[in-house]
C-alpha atoms as a PDB file:
ATOM      1  CA  UNK A   1      40.837  -4.156  88.288  1.00  0.00           C
ATOM      2  CA  UNK A   2      38.371  -4.700  86.263  1.00  0.00           C
ATOM      3  CA  UNK A   3      35.109  -3.867  87.820  1.00  0.00           C
ATOM      4  CA  UNK A   4      32.085  -5.173  87.082  1.00  0.00           C
ATOM      5  CA  UNK A   5      29.742  -2.648  85.337  1.00  0.00           C
ATOM      6  CA  UNK A   6      26.658  -4.315  86.189  1.00  0.00           C
ATOM      7  CA  UNK A   7      26.814  -3.498  90.078  1.00  0.00           C
ATOM      8  CA  UNK A   8      27.413   0.412  89.271  1.00  0.00           C
ATOM      9  CA  UNK A   9      24.181   0.606  87.934  1.00  0.00           C
ATOM     10  CA  UNK A  10      22.118   2.478  89.608  1.00  0.00           C
ATOM     11  CA  UNK A  11      18.546   1.258  91.012  1.00  0.00           C
ATOM     12  CA  UNK A  12      16.638   4.121  89.434  1.00  0.00           C
ATOM     13  CA  UNK A  13      18.563   3.057  86.176  1.00  0.00           C
ATOM     14  CA  UNK A  14      17.205  -0.766  86.826  1.00  0.00           C
ATOM     15  CA  UNK A  15      13.893   0.417  87.698  1.00  0.00           C
ATOM     16  CA  UNK A  16      13.501   2.471  84.507  1.00  0.00           C
ATOM     17  CA  UNK A  17      14.951  -0.557  82.417  1.00  0.00           C
ATOM     18  CA  UNK A  18      12.067  -2.277  83.829  1.00  0.00           C
ATOM     19  CA  UNK A  19       9.425   0.398  83.113  1.00  0.00           C
ATOM     20  CA  UNK A  20      10.953   0.435  79.276  1.00  0.00           C
ATOM     21  CA  UNK A  21      10.676  -2.817  79.124  1.00  0.00           C
ATOM     22  CA  UNK A  22       7.146  -2.917  80.832  1.00  0.00           C
ATOM     23  CA  UNK A  23       6.449   0.308  78.371  1.00  0.00           C
ATOM     24  CA  UNK A  24       7.844  -2.003  75.214  1.00  0.00           C
ATOM     25  CA  UNK A  25       5.412  -4.785  75.682  1.00  0.00           C
ATOM     26  CA  UNK A  26       2.584  -2.868  75.503  1.00  0.00           C
ATOM     27  CA  UNK A  27       4.083  -0.940  72.657  1.00  0.00           C
ATOM     28  CA  UNK A  28       4.093  -4.394  70.449  1.00  0.00           C
ATOM     29  CA  UNK A  29       0.267  -4.625  71.270  1.00  0.00           C
ATOM     30  CA  UNK A  30      -0.745  -0.973  70.184  1.00  0.00           C
ATOM     31  CA  UNK A  31       1.408  -1.994  66.741  1.00  0.00           C
ATOM     32  CA  UNK A  32      -0.334  -5.339  66.477  1.00  0.00           C
ATOM     33  CA  UNK A  33      -3.492  -3.201  66.332  1.00  0.00           C
ATOM     34  CA  UNK A  34      -2.176  -0.766  64.565  1.00  0.00           C
ATOM     35  CA  UNK A  35      -1.155  -3.429  62.054  1.00  0.00           C
ATOM     36  CA  UNK A  36      -4.600  -5.127  61.897  1.00  0.00           C
ATOM     37  CA  UNK A  37      -6.121  -1.996  61.506  1.00  0.00           C
ATOM     38  CA  UNK A  38      -3.802  -0.903  58.657  1.00  0.00           C
ATOM     39  CA  UNK A  39      -4.303  -4.563  57.075  1.00  0.00           C
ATOM     40  CA  UNK A  40      -8.465  -3.667  57.164  1.00  0.00           C
ATOM     41  CA  UNK A  41      -7.793  -0.396  55.949  1.00  0.00           C
ATOM     42  CA  UNK A  42      -5.802  -1.871  52.826  1.00  0.00           C
ATOM     43  CA  UNK A  43      -8.054  -4.378  52.367  1.00  0.00           C
ATOM     44  CA  UNK A  44     -11.067  -1.489  52.226  1.00  0.00           C
ATOM     45  CA  UNK A  45      -8.865   0.489  49.663  1.00  0.00           C
ATOM     46  CA  UNK A  46      -7.901  -2.679  47.561  1.00  0.00           C
ATOM     47  CA  UNK A  47     -12.091  -3.174  47.506  1.00  0.00           C
ATOM     48  CA  UNK A  48     -12.599   0.456  46.589  1.00  0.00           C
ATOM     49  CA  UNK A  49     -10.222   0.659  44.369  1.00  0.00           C
ATOM     50  CA  UNK A  50     -11.397  -3.055  42.298  1.00  0.00           C
ATOM     51  CA  UNK A  51     -14.756  -1.323  42.182  1.00  0.00           C
ATOM     52  CA  UNK A  52     -13.687   1.778  40.783  1.00  0.00           C
ATOM     53  CA  UNK A  53     -12.109  -0.018  38.102  1.00  0.00           C
ATOM     54  CA  UNK A  54     -15.003  -2.314  37.683  1.00  0.00           C
ATOM     55  CA  UNK A  55     -17.005   0.839  37.383  1.00  0.00           C
ATOM     56  CA  UNK A  56     -14.922   2.691  34.706  1.00  0.00           C
ATOM     57  CA  UNK A  57     -14.523  -0.772  33.071  1.00  0.00           C
ATOM     58  CA  UNK A  58     -18.521  -0.751  32.609  1.00  0.00           C
ATOM     59  CA  UNK A  59     -18.414   2.790  31.629  1.00  0.00           C
ATOM     60  CA  UNK A  60     -16.296   2.389  28.908  1.00  0.00           C
ATOM     61  CA  UNK A  61     -17.960  -0.688  27.272  1.00  0.00           C
ATOM     62  CA  UNK A  62     -21.357   1.207  27.905  1.00  0.00           C
ATOM     63  CA  UNK A  63     -19.134   4.004  25.655  1.00  0.00           C
ATOM     64  CA  UNK A  64     -18.284   1.800  23.370  1.00  0.00           C
ATOM     65  CA  UNK A  65     -21.843  -0.095  22.669  1.00  0.00           C
ATOM     66  CA  UNK A  66     -23.346   3.465  21.953  1.00  0.00           C
ATOM     67  CA  UNK A  67     -20.626   4.082  19.606  1.00  0.00           C
ATOM     68  CA  UNK A  68     -21.764   1.156  17.962  1.00  0.00           C
ATOM     69  CA  UNK A  69     -24.930   1.599  18.135  1.00  0.00           C
ATOM     70  CA  UNK A  70     -24.651   4.724  16.320  1.00  0.00           C
ATOM     71  CA  UNK A  71     -22.678   3.774  13.393  1.00  0.00           C
ATOM     72  CA  UNK A  72     -25.502   1.199  13.056  1.00  0.00           C
ATOM     73  CA  UNK A  73     -28.253   3.602  13.347  1.00  0.00           C
ATOM     74  CA  UNK A  74     -26.471   5.547  10.905  1.00  0.00           C
ATOM     75  CA  UNK A  75     -25.742   2.842   8.450  1.00  0.00           C
ATOM     76  CA  UNK A  76     -29.407   1.925   8.623  1.00  0.00           C
ATOM     77  CA  UNK A  77     -30.568   5.771   7.909  1.00  0.00           C
ATOM     78  CA  UNK A  78     -28.147   5.942   5.108  1.00  0.00           C
ATOM     79  CA  UNK A  79     -29.616   2.379   3.630  1.00  0.00           C
ATOM     80  CA  UNK A  80     -33.277   4.466   2.640  1.00  0.00           C
ATOM     81  CA  UNK A  81     -31.132   6.729   0.827  1.00  0.00           C
ATOM     82  CA  UNK A  82     -29.167   4.156  -0.917  1.00  0.00           C
ATOM     83  CA  UNK A  83     -31.705   1.645  -1.794  1.00  0.00           C
ATOM     84  CA  UNK A  84     -33.135   4.773  -3.805  1.00  0.00           C
ATOM     85  CA  UNK A  85     -29.927   5.387  -5.643  1.00  0.00           C
ATOM     86  CA  UNK A  86     -28.493   1.767  -6.350  1.00  0.00           C
ATOM     87  CA  UNK A  87     -31.249   1.434  -9.346  1.00  0.00           C
ATOM     88  CA  UNK A  88     -30.363   4.572 -10.844  1.00  0.00           C
ATOM     89  CA  UNK A  89     -26.545   3.540 -10.853  1.00  0.00           C
ATOM     90  CA  UNK A  90     -27.697  -0.215 -12.239  1.00  0.00           C
ATOM     91  CA  UNK A  91     -29.821   1.574 -15.255  1.00  0.00           C
ATOM     92  CA  UNK A  92     -26.882   3.678 -15.722  1.00  0.00           C
ATOM     93  CA  UNK A  93     -24.274   0.944 -16.283  1.00  0.00           C
ATOM     94  CA  UNK A  94     -26.698  -0.848 -18.245  1.00  0.00           C
ATOM     95  CA  UNK A  95     -27.394   1.707 -20.391  1.00  0.00           C
ATOM     96  CA  UNK A  96     -23.598   1.772 -21.197  1.00  0.00           C
ATOM     97  CA  UNK A  97     -23.393  -1.521 -22.020  1.00  0.00           C
ATOM     98  CA  UNK A  98     -26.133  -1.122 -24.869  1.00  0.00           C
ATOM     99  CA  UNK A  99     -24.125   2.349 -25.863  1.00  0.00           C
ATOM    100  CA  UNK A 100     -24.436   2.523 -29.269  1.00  0.00           C
ATOM    101  CA  UNK A 101     -21.020   2.924 -31.426  1.00  0.00           C
ATOM    102  CA  UNK A 102     -21.696   5.950 -33.060  1.00  0.00           C
ATOM    103  CA  UNK A 103     -22.849   7.852 -29.893  1.00  0.00           C
ATOM    104  CA  UNK A 104     -19.310   6.985 -28.226  1.00  0.00           C
ATOM    105  CA  UNK A 105     -17.007   9.468 -27.929  1.00  0.00           C
ATOM    106  CA  UNK A 106     -19.597  12.059 -28.207  1.00  0.00           C
ATOM    107  CA  UNK A 107     -19.493  15.207 -25.729  1.00  0.00           C
ATOM    108  CA  UNK A 108     -23.178  14.352 -24.540  1.00  0.00           C
ATOM    109  CA  UNK A 109     -22.492  10.567 -23.552  1.00  0.00           C
ATOM    110  CA  UNK A 110     -19.034  12.160 -22.038  1.00  0.00           C
ATOM    111  CA  UNK A 111     -21.529  14.188 -19.683  1.00  0.00           C
ATOM    112  CA  UNK A 112     -23.654  11.436 -18.759  1.00  0.00           C
ATOM    113  CA  UNK A 113     -20.563   9.312 -17.460  1.00  0.00           C
ATOM    114  CA  UNK A 114     -19.373  12.167 -15.835  1.00  0.00           C
ATOM    115  CA  UNK A 115     -22.621  12.220 -14.056  1.00  0.00           C
ATOM    116  CA  UNK A 116     -22.899   8.195 -13.195  1.00  0.00           C
ATOM    117  CA  UNK A 117     -18.991   8.194 -12.048  1.00  0.00           C
ATOM    118  CA  UNK A 118     -20.350  11.070  -9.704  1.00  0.00           C
ATOM    119  CA  UNK A 119     -23.172   9.014  -8.740  1.00  0.00           C
ATOM    120  CA  UNK A 120     -20.818   5.838  -7.744  1.00  0.00           C
ATOM    121  CA  UNK A 121     -18.503   7.851  -5.950  1.00  0.00           C
ATOM    122  CA  UNK A 122     -21.321   9.189  -3.879  1.00  0.00           C
ATOM    123  CA  UNK A 123     -22.450   5.624  -3.511  1.00  0.00           C
ATOM    124  CA  UNK A 124     -18.816   4.521  -2.529  1.00  0.00           C
ATOM    125  CA  UNK A 125     -19.042   7.567   0.081  1.00  0.00           C
ATOM    126  CA  UNK A 126     -21.988   6.118   1.703  1.00  0.00           C
ATOM    127  CA  UNK A 127     -20.502   2.459   2.350  1.00  0.00           C
ATOM    128  CA  UNK A 128     -21.990   1.342  -0.767  1.00  0.00           C
ATOM    129  CA  UNK A 129     -19.773  -1.000  -3.085  1.00  0.00           C
ATOM    130  CA  UNK A 130     -20.609  -2.783  -5.890  1.00  0.00           C
ATOM    131  CA  UNK A 131     -19.029  -5.997  -6.718  1.00  0.00           C
ATOM    132  CA  UNK A 132     -19.173  -7.817 -10.567  1.00  0.00           C
ATOM    133  CA  UNK A 133     -16.690  -9.376 -12.815  1.00  0.00           C
ATOM    134  CA  UNK A 134     -18.055 -12.611 -11.361  1.00  0.00           C
ATOM    135  CA  UNK A 135     -18.080 -15.164 -14.327  1.00  0.00           C
ATOM    136  CA  UNK A 136     -15.697 -18.095 -13.803  1.00  0.00           C
ATOM    137  CA  UNK A 137     -16.604 -17.883 -10.120  1.00  0.00           C
ATOM    138  CA  UNK A 138     -18.578 -20.453  -8.015  1.00  0.00           C
ATOM    139  CA  UNK A 139     -22.115 -19.717  -6.856  1.00  0.00           C
ATOM    140  CA  UNK A 140     -22.742 -18.409  -3.891  1.00  0.00           C
ATOM    141  CA  UNK A 141     -26.103 -17.957  -2.633  1.00  0.00           C
ATOM    142  CA  UNK A 142     -25.183 -15.126   0.019  1.00  0.00           C
ATOM    143  CA  UNK A 143     -23.859 -12.993  -2.557  1.00  0.00           C
ATOM    144  CA  UNK A 144     -25.823 -14.061  -5.827  1.00  0.00           C
ATOM    145  CA  UNK A 145     -29.033 -14.583  -6.866  1.00  0.00           C
ATOM    146  CA  UNK A 146     -29.357 -17.471  -9.744  1.00  0.00           C
ATOM    147  CA  UNK A 147     -32.170 -15.937 -12.281  1.00  0.00           C
ATOM    148  CA  UNK A 148     -31.256 -18.653 -14.517  1.00  0.00           C
ATOM    149  CA  UNK A 149     -29.554 -21.979 -15.610  1.00  0.00           C
ATOM    150  CA  UNK A 150     -27.730 -23.404 -18.415  1.00  0.00           C
ATOM    151  CA  UNK A 151     -25.560 -26.319 -19.386  1.00  0.00           C
ATOM    152  CA  UNK A 152     -21.801 -25.866 -20.610  1.00  0.00           C
ATOM    153  CA  UNK A 153     -19.826 -29.367 -20.310  1.00  0.00           C
ATOM    154  CA  UNK A 154     -16.657 -27.315 -20.213  1.00  0.00           C
ATOM    155  CA  UNK A 155     -17.296 -25.844 -16.944  1.00  0.00           C
ATOM    156  CA  UNK A 156     -17.575 -26.631 -13.981  1.00  0.00           C
ATOM    157  CA  UNK A 157     -21.359 -27.027 -12.159  1.00  0.00           C
ATOM    158  CA  UNK A 158     -22.209 -24.250  -9.770  1.00  0.00           C
ATOM    159  CA  UNK A 159     -19.911 -21.936 -11.777  1.00  0.00           C
ATOM    160  CA  UNK A 160     -21.029 -18.432 -12.970  1.00  0.00           C
ATOM    161  CA  UNK A 161     -21.503 -18.343 -16.940  1.00  0.00           C
ATOM    162  CA  UNK A 162     -23.112 -15.107 -17.112  1.00  0.00           C
ATOM    163  CA  UNK A 163     -23.924 -11.716 -15.059  1.00  0.00           C
ATOM    164  CA  UNK A 164     -27.049 -10.315 -15.287  1.00  0.00           C
ATOM    165  CA  UNK A 165     -26.572  -7.619 -13.072  1.00  0.00           C
ATOM    166  CA  UNK A 166     -24.056  -6.840 -10.266  1.00  0.00           C
ATOM    167  CA  UNK A 167     -24.464  -7.019  -7.094  1.00  0.00           C
ATOM    168  CA  UNK A 168     -24.091  -4.502  -4.016  1.00  0.00           C
ATOM    169  CA  UNK A 169     -22.685  -4.519  -0.325  1.00  0.00           C
ATOM    170  CA  UNK A 170     -23.382  -1.728   2.642  1.00  0.00           C
ATOM    171  CA  UNK A 171     -20.603  -1.534   4.930  1.00  0.00           C
ATOM    172  CA  UNK A 172     -19.956  -5.338   4.117  1.00  0.00           C
ATOM    173  CA  UNK A 173     -23.173  -6.293   4.124  1.00  0.00           C
ATOM    174  CA  UNK A 174     -25.061  -7.734   0.441  1.00  0.00           C
ATOM    175  CA  UNK A 175     -28.059  -5.132   0.309  1.00  0.00           C
ATOM    176  CA  UNK A 176     -28.747  -6.243  -3.428  1.00  0.00           C
ATOM    177  CA  UNK A 177     -27.366  -9.768  -4.804  1.00  0.00           C
ATOM    178  CA  UNK A 178     -25.912  -9.756  -8.287  1.00  0.00           C
ATOM    179  CA  UNK A 179     -28.484 -11.412 -10.370  1.00  0.00           C
ATOM    180  CA  UNK A 180     -26.448 -14.416 -12.423  1.00  0.00           C
ATOM    181  CA  UNK A 181     -26.877 -17.755 -14.645  1.00  0.00           C
ATOM    182  CA  UNK A 182     -25.583 -20.566 -13.100  1.00  0.00           C
ATOM    183  CA  UNK A 183     -24.237 -23.492 -15.111  1.00  0.00           C
ATOM    184  CA  UNK A 184     -26.220 -26.483 -13.767  1.00  0.00           C
ATOM    185  CA  UNK A 185     -25.827 -30.291 -15.586  1.00  0.00           C
ATOM    186  CA  UNK A 186     -29.897 -31.149 -16.495  1.00  0.00           C
ATOM    187  CA  UNK A 187     -31.765 -33.189 -14.503  1.00  0.00           C
ATOM    188  CA  UNK A 188     -32.261 -36.981 -16.611  1.00  0.00           C
ATOM    189  CA  UNK A 189     -35.127 -38.892 -15.949  1.00  0.00           C
END
């Protein structure tokens, strides 16, 4: 009573199945062609994207280099003015060291101290830093200029024993080394 359903299929339906299966074979090759085209396009897109990323990175690097160059140029430009101003600051400093006791506290000296303070603030705003307080430190030829030697037995070799004048840096670079006297053992013949 159960009939075989495959016998009930009409010849037209069987033909449709064959042609459909024939169409699906054609579709598979079309899909494969489309897939390979998609892969090629994906690779192209990836190449373009990588190229754009490299170009963007190059632009950012160029921009950063230009900003660095501009900062360095501004520093060099300010160095000329600084080189003329720091000897004035050093002379003020030396004058205050030699200031007679009877003049300390006078209104005139207080006014001059304010001018000196303003000059130091101006130099600092331009990137100048003074370094002093070197007595007892080890001599460093990149920061100090030895203008004399003396020998003190209780001090270590190459120790700064006197500071003649302070040194100055501009944006972290030494522009004027500190003038110092260094402890050196005399040469014996």
